[in-house]
Amino acid sequence: MPNKNSSGDIPKLSGKAYIKVEDGEIYYLNSDNAYVEMTGDFNTKATYYMVAAPADLDKGFTISFYDSSGNEYAKKGVKDATIQSSHILDLGTIEISSNDFANGAVTTYQTSTKIKAVPFVIIPEGFTKDQMNDFHTKAKDVFEFIFSVDPYKEYSDYFNMYIIDAVSNEAGADVTEGTQKDTFFDAGWSESSYGDMSANDELVYSFVSAHCPDIVEGKATIDETAIIMIINDERYGGRCRSTSAGRGYAMVPITNNGEDLTWGGMNGAYGKTNTGNWMNTALHEGGGHMFGRLMDEYITNYRTKNGEYEGHSWSPLQFGLNVSTDATGSLWSHLIPATQGMKETKKFLHVDVYQIKNEANPNWGLYRSEEVSAMDDNRAYFSAWQRYLIAKRIHDIVGEDFDYDSFISKDDQYLAIQAGTANRGKEGLITTTYNGLTPSYGANTRSNYVEENVKIYPPLPPPVFTDLKEPKIELEKLPLIY
């Protein structure tokens, strides 16, 4: 598997090739493969050859060996390499010892009792061999935190949860304009910004596909699999990378390594600030964007298509159904009570239509269903409509029927309201402070709202869509070589 070249692209090394008759050069590889695979019995002190398409690997490449148990032993080269037509690139002698860390080792954190479950995978980035125990501790904390928050709490038995090892040669992550670290997935972002946060997408998906038990056993696809990458770097950031098919992963650095982070309440929401830590980023990016396919509810720019948020037109899976350009809130109107703040059967106390504020444009035409949520300031609370959308995706993947009645029959927030035991304040006012991994209710504690003498962290950036677009070619003018 090659690393990205200097232009940021991942060279294609195999597939069906289209060759120009005039000069014999490869015109187009009809494949996404950035690897060449050899299988069989390998002997020591033997010479092996593989054929690959010409490419400049100016950030090195990785060679992976798999034993009979499926464990991966990766050898990563960081020097420039050029694969040329009709030339042999001598890679020298490669030795694998029993002391090499076995990448791809799987720790099962939870096994679902369902016939079909949703795979949820946590992978490390920038953790060295000596730091893998620390990664495992953090991965378990993330699972506990996310699955203590509705609706993941109610649906936890619908998930198979895995921790999959991938060791890096160096700790940390790349600084875009500075130090480049030798890490497994080549993650990095700018020192002063995190809008360019990225990793080797294809390597992430191929690695998880090769090692996630549900995918290996044919019980699920990579498009149905939730993936969180914990990055061993204390800089602030977080990003979701996603596709229209449902495939995606969340990049979550261990900002401040567990110390408090404070986010400002956006859009004039109740509570000026909200305090949490890097696991709140995992909830927002992983539970919200990546799996829930929710859009940010603080965002001050968006693209429309036919008068609606563009993500609503994505196929086969829509994105961002938690926001709307419709001021009537038609998407979630069945949740809105006749009178705000009053208990009503099959309705939620404070669901309504709230405009997403934009100081530069007071007539901003984007709306959300509640005043504050995880998609606004990263608190451990998903709004009722967000919970509905997450629950629906879970049911769609496992193949169980789903409707509004089945949703409210399981929803803790709704049941508590009907029983009269829910917090009588705004539903979204729920502390995210890490406290025994259990979110606690209450709107008035200083741990929940710190209003002065604190550093306010900016909101996390919107998700990046990484759908691959193949170039158009005139096939009748090119011979097809298999």
Protein backbone atom coordinates (compact mmCIF):
# COMPACT_ATOMS: atom_id res chain seq x y z
CA MET A 1 0.00 0.00 0.00
CA PRO A 2 1.60 3.31 -1.02
CA ASN A 3 1.45 6.47 1.00
CA LYS A 4 0.08 9.66 -0.55
CA ASN A 5 2.37 11.34 -3.03
CA SER A 6 3.29 15.01 -2.84
CA SER A 7 0.04 16.07 -4.51
CA GLY A 8 -1.97 14.27 -1.83
CA ASP A 9 -3.22 11.55 -4.21
CA ILE A 10 -2.91 7.81 -3.64
CA PRO A 11 -1.36 6.18 -6.74
CA LYS A 12 -3.29 3.33 -8.32
CA LEU A 13 -1.06 0.29 -8.69
CA SER A 14 -3.34 -2.41 -10.08
CA GLY A 15 -6.55 -3.07 -11.98
CA LYS A 16 -7.75 -3.24 -15.57
CA ALA A 17 -5.54 -0.96 -17.63
CA TYR A 18 -6.39 1.08 -20.73
CA ILE A 19 -3.31 1.40 -22.93
CA LYS A 20 -2.71 3.97 -25.67
CA VAL A 21 -1.94 2.25 -28.96
CA GLU A 22 0.49 5.00 -30.05
CA ASP A 23 3.04 4.73 -27.25
CA GLY A 24 1.95 1.82 -25.05
CA GLU A 25 1.54 4.05 -21.99
CA ILE A 26 -1.19 3.37 -19.44
CA TYR A 27 -3.96 5.91 -19.98
CA TYR A 28 -6.33 4.89 -17.20
CA LEU A 29 -6.56 2.20 -14.53
CA ASN A 30 -10.20 1.18 -13.99
CA SER A 31 -9.67 0.38 -10.32
CA ASP A 32 -9.32 2.00 -6.94
CA ASN A 33 -6.60 -0.45 -5.90
CA ALA A 34 -3.52 1.18 -4.44
CA TYR A 35 -2.01 -2.22 -3.70
CA VAL A 36 -0.87 -5.48 -5.29
CA GLU A 37 -1.72 -8.73 -3.53
CA MET A 38 0.31 -11.97 -3.54
CA THR A 39 -1.02 -15.16 -1.90
CA GLY A 40 0.34 -18.62 -1.27
CA ASP A 41 3.09 -20.29 0.71
CA PHE A 42 6.12 -18.06 1.16
CA ASN A 43 9.55 -19.51 1.75
CA THR A 44 12.53 -17.92 3.45
CA LYS A 45 15.53 -16.85 1.35
CA ALA A 46 13.44 -16.92 -1.82
CA THR A 47 12.98 -14.16 -4.41
CA TYR A 48 9.50 -12.91 -5.24
CA TYR A 49 8.27 -10.58 -7.98
CA MET A 50 5.08 -8.58 -8.38
CA VAL A 51 3.83 -6.45 -11.26
CA ALA A 52 2.46 -2.96 -10.64
CA ALA A 53 1.50 0.04 -12.72
CA PRO A 54 4.10 2.83 -13.05
CA ALA A 55 3.83 5.32 -10.20
CA ASP A 56 5.85 7.80 -8.16
CA LEU A 57 5.74 6.81 -4.49
CA ASP A 58 7.37 9.94 -3.18
CA LYS A 59 6.27 9.33 0.42
CA GLY A 60 7.22 5.66 0.52
CA PHE A 61 5.05 2.54 0.68
CA THR A 62 4.03 -0.26 3.03
CA ILE A 63 4.39 -4.01 2.58
CA SER A 64 2.13 -6.14 4.76
CA PHE A 65 2.47 -9.84 5.53
CA TYR A 66 -0.42 -11.87 6.93
CA ASP A 67 0.03 -15.11 8.88
CA SER A 68 -2.40 -18.04 8.88
CA SER A 69 -4.40 -16.41 11.70
CA GLY A 70 -4.88 -13.21 9.72
CA ASN A 71 -2.49 -11.11 11.81
CA GLU A 72 -0.71 -8.41 9.86
CA TYR A 73 3.01 -7.60 10.06
CA ALA A 74 3.66 -4.30 8.32
CA LYS A 75 6.99 -3.02 7.02
CA LYS A 76 6.78 0.65 6.10
CA GLY A 77 9.28 2.35 3.81
CA VAL A 78 9.48 6.14 3.96
CA LYS A 79 12.00 6.77 1.18
CA ASP A 80 10.97 7.86 -2.31
CA ALA A 81 10.39 5.08 -4.82
CA THR A 82 9.51 5.10 -8.50
CA ILE A 83 7.92 2.14 -10.27
CA GLN A 84 8.88 2.35 -13.93
CA SER A 85 7.69 0.46 -16.99
CA SER A 86 9.93 -2.52 -17.91
CA HIS A 87 12.16 -1.99 -14.85
CA ILE A 88 12.64 -3.98 -11.63
CA LEU A 89 12.59 -2.06 -8.36
CA ASP A 90 14.78 -4.01 -5.91
CA LEU A 91 13.26 -3.81 -2.43
CA GLY A 92 16.12 -5.74 -0.88
CA THR A 93 15.76 -8.33 1.88
CA ILE A 94 12.71 -8.05 4.13
CA GLU A 95 12.78 -9.80 7.48
CA ILE A 96 9.81 -10.52 9.73
CA SER A 97 10.50 -11.55 13.32
CA SER A 98 8.26 -12.75 16.12
CA ASN A 99 8.99 -9.47 17.90
CA ASP A 100 7.17 -7.43 15.27
CA PHE A 101 3.82 -6.12 16.43
CA ALA A 102 0.89 -7.93 14.82
CA ASN A 103 -1.29 -5.22 13.30
CA GLY A 104 -4.89 -6.20 12.90
CA ALA A 105 -5.19 -7.97 16.24
CA VAL A 106 -8.84 -7.69 17.32
CA THR A 107 -10.14 -7.21 20.85
CA THR A 108 -13.88 -7.79 21.10
CA TYR A 109 -15.35 -5.32 23.57
CA GLN A 110 -18.98 -6.40 23.15
CA THR A 111 -20.87 -9.04 21.18
CA SER A 112 -24.49 -8.34 20.28
CA THR A 113 -27.22 -10.90 20.92
CA LYS A 114 -28.96 -9.90 17.68
CA ILE A 115 -28.94 -12.06 14.54
CA LYS A 116 -27.37 -9.14 12.70
CA ALA A 117 -25.53 -6.33 14.44
CA VAL A 118 -23.89 -3.03 13.56
CA PRO A 119 -20.08 -3.29 13.65
CA PHE A 120 -18.44 -0.46 15.62
CA VAL A 121 -14.65 -0.32 15.32
CA ILE A 122 -12.10 1.87 17.12
CA ILE A 123 -8.60 2.07 15.61
CA PRO A 124 -5.45 3.88 16.80
CA GLU A 125 -3.31 6.41 14.97
CA GLY A 126 0.07 7.63 16.18
CA PHE A 127 0.30 5.14 19.04
CA THR A 128 3.59 3.23 19.21
CA LYS A 129 3.93 -0.36 20.38
CA ASP A 130 4.68 0.80 23.94
CA GLN A 131 1.55 3.00 23.92
CA MET A 132 -0.97 0.39 22.82
CA ASN A 133 -2.20 -0.29 26.36
CA ASP A 134 -2.98 3.42 26.69
CA PHE A 135 -4.87 3.28 23.40
CA HIS A 136 -6.95 0.33 24.63
CA THR A 137 -7.87 2.25 27.79
CA LYS A 138 -8.96 5.27 25.74
CA ALA A 139 -10.91 3.11 23.27
CA LYS A 140 -12.86 1.47 26.11
CA ASP A 141 -13.60 4.90 27.61
CA VAL A 142 -14.97 6.09 24.25
CA PHE A 143 -17.25 3.06 23.98
CA GLU A 144 -18.51 3.61 27.54
CA PHE A 145 -19.10 7.31 26.94
CA ILE A 146 -20.93 7.04 23.61
CA PHE A 147 -23.10 4.18 24.82
CA SER A 148 -24.10 6.09 27.94
CA VAL A 149 -25.86 8.68 25.75
CA ASP A 150 -29.33 8.25 24.23
CA PRO A 151 -30.15 6.67 21.82
CA TYR A 152 -26.93 4.63 21.77
CA LYS A 153 -27.65 3.63 25.37
CA GLU A 154 -31.01 2.06 24.46
CA TYR A 155 -29.59 0.37 21.36
CA SER A 156 -26.22 -0.78 22.72
CA ASP A 157 -27.13 -4.46 22.22
CA TYR A 158 -27.49 -3.79 18.50
CA PHE A 159 -23.71 -3.29 18.17
CA ASN A 160 -20.67 -5.53 17.95
CA MET A 161 -17.81 -3.44 19.36
CA TYR A 162 -14.19 -4.05 18.36
CA ILE A 163 -10.80 -2.53 19.12
CA ILE A 164 -8.33 -3.24 16.29
CA ASP A 165 -4.60 -2.64 16.76
CA ALA A 166 -2.45 -0.69 14.29
CA VAL A 167 0.96 0.32 15.59
CA SER A 168 2.79 3.44 14.43
CA ASN A 169 6.56 3.87 14.32
CA GLU A 170 6.25 7.36 15.80
CA ALA A 171 3.81 8.96 18.22
CA GLY A 172 1.61 11.86 17.17
CA ALA A 173 0.36 13.06 13.79
CA ASP A 174 1.65 15.13 10.87
CA VAL A 175 1.73 18.91 11.07
CA THR A 176 0.72 20.00 7.57
CA GLU A 177 3.29 22.78 7.30
CA GLY A 178 5.89 21.13 9.55
CA THR A 179 6.89 17.82 11.13
CA GLN A 180 5.82 14.65 9.31
CA LYS A 181 5.36 11.67 11.63
CA ASP A 182 5.79 8.04 10.62
CA THR A 183 2.30 6.83 11.57
CA PHE A 184 0.14 3.98 10.35
CA PHE A 185 -2.67 5.92 8.65
CA ASP A 186 -0.72 9.09 7.79
CA ALA A 187 -3.07 11.41 9.70
CA GLY A 188 -2.31 15.11 10.05
CA TRP A 189 -3.57 18.66 10.08
CA SER A 190 -2.32 22.21 10.31
CA GLU A 191 -0.71 23.65 13.43
CA SER A 192 -3.04 26.65 13.33
CA SER A 193 -6.20 25.07 11.93
CA TYR A 194 -7.90 21.69 11.63
CA GLY A 195 -9.91 22.32 8.47
CA ASP A 196 -7.43 20.23 6.46
CA MET A 197 -7.53 17.22 8.81
CA SER A 198 -7.10 14.04 6.78
CA ALA A 199 -5.63 10.55 6.72
CA ASN A 200 -5.19 7.81 4.14
CA ASP A 201 -8.90 7.08 3.54
CA GLU A 202 -8.31 4.03 1.38
CA LEU A 203 -5.95 2.49 3.92
CA VAL A 204 -8.46 3.06 6.72
CA TYR A 205 -11.25 1.31 4.82
CA SER A 206 -9.08 -1.54 3.49
CA PHE A 207 -7.56 -2.12 6.95
CA VAL A 208 -10.94 -2.27 8.70
CA SER A 209 -12.38 -4.43 5.91
CA ALA A 210 -9.49 -6.88 6.29
CA HIS A 211 -9.77 -7.21 10.07
CA CYS A 212 -13.29 -6.38 11.30
CA PRO A 213 -14.78 -9.84 12.06
CA ASP A 214 -18.28 -8.94 10.83
CA ILE A 215 -16.93 -7.84 7.43
CA VAL A 216 -14.50 -10.77 7.12
CA GLU A 217 -17.35 -13.20 7.88
CA GLY A 218 -19.68 -11.52 5.37
CA LYS A 219 -22.16 -10.38 8.02
CA ALA A 220 -21.79 -6.66 7.28
CA THR A 221 -20.20 -4.28 4.79
CA ILE A 222 -17.72 -1.45 5.27
CA ASP A 223 -20.58 0.96 4.42
CA GLU A 224 -22.48 -0.29 7.48
CA THR A 225 -19.50 -0.11 9.84
CA ALA A 226 -18.95 2.69 12.36
CA ILE A 227 -15.27 3.67 12.67
CA ILE A 228 -13.56 6.02 15.11
CA MET A 229 -9.85 6.77 14.82
CA ILE A 230 -8.30 7.91 18.11
CA ILE A 231 -5.26 10.06 17.28
CA ASN A 232 -2.40 10.31 19.77
CA ASP A 233 -1.97 14.07 19.40
CA GLU A 234 -3.05 16.72 21.91
CA ARG A 235 -3.75 19.45 19.37
CA TYR A 236 -7.39 20.51 19.06
CA GLY A 237 -9.42 19.17 16.19
CA GLY A 238 -11.86 16.56 14.96
CA ARG A 239 -13.29 15.66 11.58
CA CYS A 240 -15.63 13.17 9.95
CA ARG A 241 -14.82 11.81 6.52
CA SER A 242 -17.83 10.24 4.85
CA THR A 243 -19.38 9.07 1.58
CA SER A 244 -22.91 9.03 0.22
CA ALA A 245 -22.98 5.22 0.60
CA GLY A 246 -22.68 5.44 4.38
CA ARG A 247 -18.97 4.65 4.61
CA GLY A 248 -17.11 6.96 6.96
CA TYR A 249 -14.80 7.40 9.92
CA ALA A 250 -14.29 9.99 12.63
CA MET A 251 -10.85 11.46 13.38
CA VAL A 252 -10.54 12.29 17.07
CA PRO A 253 -7.31 13.59 18.64
CA ILE A 254 -6.89 13.30 22.42
CA THR A 255 -6.95 17.09 22.85
CA ASN A 256 -5.51 18.12 26.25
CA ASN A 257 -5.38 14.38 27.04
CA GLY A 258 -8.53 14.42 29.16
CA GLU A 259 -8.41 17.93 30.58
CA ASP A 260 -11.52 20.11 30.23
CA LEU A 261 -12.51 21.70 26.94
CA THR A 262 -15.13 24.45 26.82
CA TRP A 263 -17.31 25.23 23.83
CA GLY A 264 -19.41 28.36 23.45
CA GLY A 265 -23.16 27.95 23.14
CA MET A 266 -24.00 28.78 19.53
CA ASN A 267 -27.09 30.46 18.11
CA GLY A 268 -28.08 32.19 21.35
CA ALA A 269 -28.82 28.81 22.95
CA TYR A 270 -29.52 28.55 26.67
CA GLY A 271 -26.25 28.28 28.58
CA LYS A 272 -23.32 30.34 27.42
CA THR A 273 -20.73 27.57 27.48
CA ASN A 274 -20.48 23.81 27.79
CA THR A 275 -17.64 21.83 29.30
CA GLY A 276 -16.44 18.36 28.29
CA ASN A 277 -13.28 16.75 26.92
CA TRP A 278 -11.97 15.04 23.80
CA MET A 279 -14.54 12.24 24.17
CA ASN A 280 -17.26 14.81 23.50
CA THR A 281 -15.50 15.30 20.16
CA ALA A 282 -15.78 11.53 19.61
CA LEU A 283 -19.51 11.72 20.36
CA HIS A 284 -20.04 14.66 17.98
CA GLU A 285 -17.87 13.34 15.14
CA GLY A 286 -18.49 9.62 15.58
CA GLY A 287 -21.97 9.29 17.05
CA GLY A 288 -23.33 12.37 15.26
CA HIS A 289 -21.66 12.91 11.89
CA MET A 290 -20.15 9.52 11.07
CA PHE A 291 -22.85 7.05 12.11
CA GLY A 292 -25.89 9.28 12.61
CA ARG A 293 -25.18 11.21 9.39
CA LEU A 294 -26.17 14.41 11.17
CA MET A 295 -25.12 17.88 10.05
CA ASP A 296 -23.79 20.56 12.40
CA GLU A 297 -26.49 22.78 13.86
CA TYR A 298 -24.24 25.80 14.34
CA ILE A 299 -23.07 26.01 10.72
CA THR A 300 -23.05 29.40 9.03
CA ASN A 301 -22.81 28.22 5.43
CA TYR A 302 -24.32 25.37 3.47
CA ARG A 303 -25.13 24.34 -0.07
CA THR A 304 -28.68 23.98 -1.33
CA LYS A 305 -30.17 21.92 -4.12
CA ASN A 306 -33.73 22.58 -5.26
CA GLY A 307 -34.21 24.76 -2.20
CA GLU A 308 -33.12 22.10 0.31
CA TYR A 309 -29.87 21.31 2.07
CA GLU A 310 -27.76 19.47 -0.51
CA GLY A 311 -27.05 16.43 1.68
CA HIS A 312 -30.74 15.52 1.55
CA SER A 313 -30.29 14.54 -2.11
CA TRP A 314 -27.37 12.18 -1.51
CA SER A 315 -27.95 8.61 -2.65
CA PRO A 316 -28.26 5.93 -1.41
CA LEU A 317 -28.05 7.47 2.09
CA GLN A 318 -29.21 10.99 2.80
CA PHE A 319 -27.13 13.26 5.01
CA GLY A 320 -28.11 16.08 7.36
CA LEU A 321 -31.81 15.36 7.81
CA ASN A 322 -31.56 17.02 11.23
CA VAL A 323 -31.50 20.45 9.53
CA SER A 324 -33.93 21.91 7.02
CA THR A 325 -34.60 25.00 4.94
CA ASP A 326 -38.32 24.56 5.66
CA ALA A 327 -39.44 27.07 8.34
CA THR A 328 -42.42 24.83 9.18
CA GLY A 329 -40.15 21.99 10.33
CA SER A 330 -41.99 19.49 8.17
CA LEU A 331 -39.32 16.80 8.67
CA TRP A 332 -39.92 16.63 12.42
CA SER A 333 -43.42 18.15 12.71
CA HIS A 334 -44.79 14.90 14.20
CA LEU A 335 -42.61 15.55 17.29
CA ILE A 336 -43.83 19.13 17.93
CA PRO A 337 -46.38 19.58 20.76
CA ALA A 338 -49.40 21.86 20.36
CA THR A 339 -48.09 24.03 23.22
CA GLN A 340 -44.38 24.45 23.93
CA GLY A 341 -43.21 22.94 27.21
CA MET A 342 -46.41 20.94 27.79
CA LYS A 343 -46.49 17.16 28.06
CA GLU A 344 -48.41 15.59 25.21
CA THR A 345 -48.66 11.97 24.06
CA LYS A 346 -46.22 11.14 21.25
CA LYS A 347 -44.71 14.66 21.40
CA PHE A 348 -41.57 16.15 22.95
CA LEU A 349 -41.72 19.12 25.31
CA HIS A 350 -39.37 21.50 23.52
CA VAL A 351 -39.20 20.33 19.92
CA ASP A 352 -40.09 23.17 17.59
CA VAL A 353 -38.53 25.07 14.67
CA TYR A 354 -35.47 27.11 15.66
CA GLN A 355 -33.54 29.23 13.23
CA ILE A 356 -29.81 28.66 13.07
CA LYS A 357 -28.42 32.10 13.83
CA ASN A 358 -26.02 33.94 11.58
CA GLU A 359 -25.00 37.40 12.75
CA ALA A 360 -24.01 38.44 9.24
CA ASN A 361 -27.40 37.38 7.88
CA PRO A 362 -30.28 37.60 10.38
CA ASN A 363 -32.65 36.05 7.84
CA TRP A 364 -30.56 32.90 7.56
CA GLY A 365 -32.79 30.16 6.20
CA LEU A 366 -31.66 27.03 7.99
CA TYR A 367 -33.55 25.46 10.89
CA ARG A 368 -33.13 22.79 13.59
CA SER A 369 -35.54 21.02 15.93
CA GLU A 370 -34.18 21.98 19.38
CA GLU A 371 -32.19 24.88 20.72
CA VAL A 372 -29.07 22.96 21.71
CA SER A 373 -27.60 19.47 21.25
CA ALA A 374 -24.43 17.49 20.60
CA MET A 375 -24.41 18.87 17.08
CA ASP A 376 -24.28 22.43 18.42
CA ASP A 377 -21.78 22.52 21.29
CA ASN A 378 -20.76 18.86 21.70
CA ARG A 379 -22.73 18.18 24.89
CA ALA A 380 -23.73 14.58 25.64
CA TYR A 381 -27.26 15.05 24.37
CA PHE A 382 -28.86 14.28 21.02
CA SER A 383 -32.16 16.03 20.33
CA ALA A 384 -35.32 13.95 19.95
CA TRP A 385 -35.22 14.22 16.15
CA GLN A 386 -31.51 13.36 16.08
CA ARG A 387 -32.21 10.32 18.25
CA TYR A 388 -34.94 9.25 15.84
CA LEU A 389 -32.57 9.46 12.85
CA ILE A 390 -29.82 7.51 14.63
CA ALA A 391 -32.28 4.82 15.75
CA LYS A 392 -33.64 4.53 12.21
CA ARG A 393 -30.20 3.93 10.78
CA ILE A 394 -29.56 1.20 13.36
CA HIS A 395 -32.82 -0.53 12.41
CA ASP A 396 -32.10 -0.17 8.68
CA ILE A 397 -28.71 -1.88 9.03
CA VAL A 398 -29.89 -4.79 11.19
CA GLY A 399 -33.03 -5.24 9.08
CA GLU A 400 -35.66 -4.66 11.78
CA ASP A 401 -38.88 -2.76 11.08
CA PHE A 402 -38.92 0.79 12.41
CA ASP A 403 -41.56 3.45 12.85
CA TYR A 404 -42.28 6.39 15.15
CA ASP A 405 -44.16 4.28 17.69
CA SER A 406 -41.29 1.81 18.01
CA PHE A 407 -38.91 4.75 18.50
CA ILE A 408 -40.80 6.38 21.38
CA SER A 409 -41.43 3.00 23.00
CA LYS A 410 -37.66 2.74 23.62
CA ASP A 411 -36.68 6.39 24.01
CA ASP A 412 -35.63 7.12 27.62
CA GLN A 413 -36.20 10.87 27.27
CA TYR A 414 -39.77 10.45 26.05
CA LEU A 415 -40.62 7.83 28.67
CA ALA A 416 -39.21 10.03 31.45
CA ILE A 417 -41.27 12.99 30.27
CA GLN A 418 -44.45 10.93 30.21
CA ALA A 419 -43.69 9.59 33.69
CA GLY A 420 -43.09 13.12 34.96
CA THR A 421 -39.54 12.31 36.06
CA ALA A 422 -37.65 14.23 33.38
CA ASN A 423 -35.84 17.48 34.11
CA ARG A 424 -38.48 20.19 33.77
CA GLY A 425 -36.06 22.59 32.15
CA LYS A 426 -34.98 22.54 28.54
CA GLU A 427 -34.37 18.98 27.38
CA GLY A 428 -31.02 19.90 25.88
CA LEU A 429 -29.57 21.26 29.12
CA ILE A 430 -27.59 18.23 30.15
CA THR A 431 -24.06 18.24 31.44
CA THR A 432 -21.30 16.63 29.41
CA THR A 433 -18.70 16.70 32.14
CA TYR A 434 -17.01 13.30 32.33
CA ASN A 435 -18.33 11.92 35.61
CA GLY A 436 -18.08 8.18 35.92
CA LEU A 437 -19.06 7.97 32.24
CA THR A 438 -22.68 8.75 33.13
CA PRO A 439 -24.15 12.03 31.83
CA SER A 440 -26.07 13.77 34.63
CA TYR A 441 -29.07 16.05 34.29
CA GLY A 442 -29.27 19.58 35.64
CA ALA A 443 -28.95 22.97 34.00
CA ASN A 444 -27.57 25.10 36.79
CA THR A 445 -24.22 23.60 37.86
CA ARG A 446 -21.04 25.50 37.13
CA SER A 447 -19.49 22.34 35.71
CA ASN A 448 -22.16 22.57 33.03
CA TYR A 449 -21.97 26.29 32.31
CA VAL A 450 -18.67 28.07 32.88
CA GLU A 451 -19.22 31.66 31.85
CA GLU A 452 -15.98 33.50 32.57
CA ASN A 453 -12.19 33.20 32.55
CA VAL A 454 -12.13 30.16 30.28
CA LYS A 455 -10.71 29.45 26.86
CA ILE A 456 -13.58 28.90 24.44
CA TYR A 457 -12.77 26.35 21.76
CA PRO A 458 -14.19 26.95 18.28
CA PRO A 459 -16.77 24.59 16.77
CA LEU A 460 -15.56 21.54 14.90
CA PRO A 461 -15.65 21.72 11.08
CA PRO A 462 -18.35 20.14 8.91
CA PRO A 463 -17.74 16.62 7.57
CA VAL A 464 -15.80 16.01 4.37
CA PHE A 465 -17.35 13.88 1.63
CA THR A 466 -14.82 11.70 -0.17
CA ASP A 467 -16.82 10.02 -2.94
CA LEU A 468 -14.46 8.98 -5.76
CA LYS A 469 -15.28 10.26 -9.22
CA GLU A 470 -13.79 8.28 -12.11
CA PRO A 471 -12.73 10.25 -15.20
CA LYS A 472 -14.80 9.90 -18.34
CA ILE A 473 -13.01 8.04 -21.12
CA GLU A 474 -13.92 7.01 -24.66
CA LEU A 475 -13.60 3.24 -24.42
CA GLU A 476 -14.07 2.55 -28.13
CA LYS A 477 -10.79 4.35 -28.88
CA LEU A 478 -8.74 2.30 -26.41
CA PRO A 479 -7.93 -1.41 -26.30
CA LEU A 480 -8.78 -3.13 -23.02
CA ILE A 481 -5.92 -5.12 -21.47
CA TYR A 482 -6.73 -7.70 -18.81
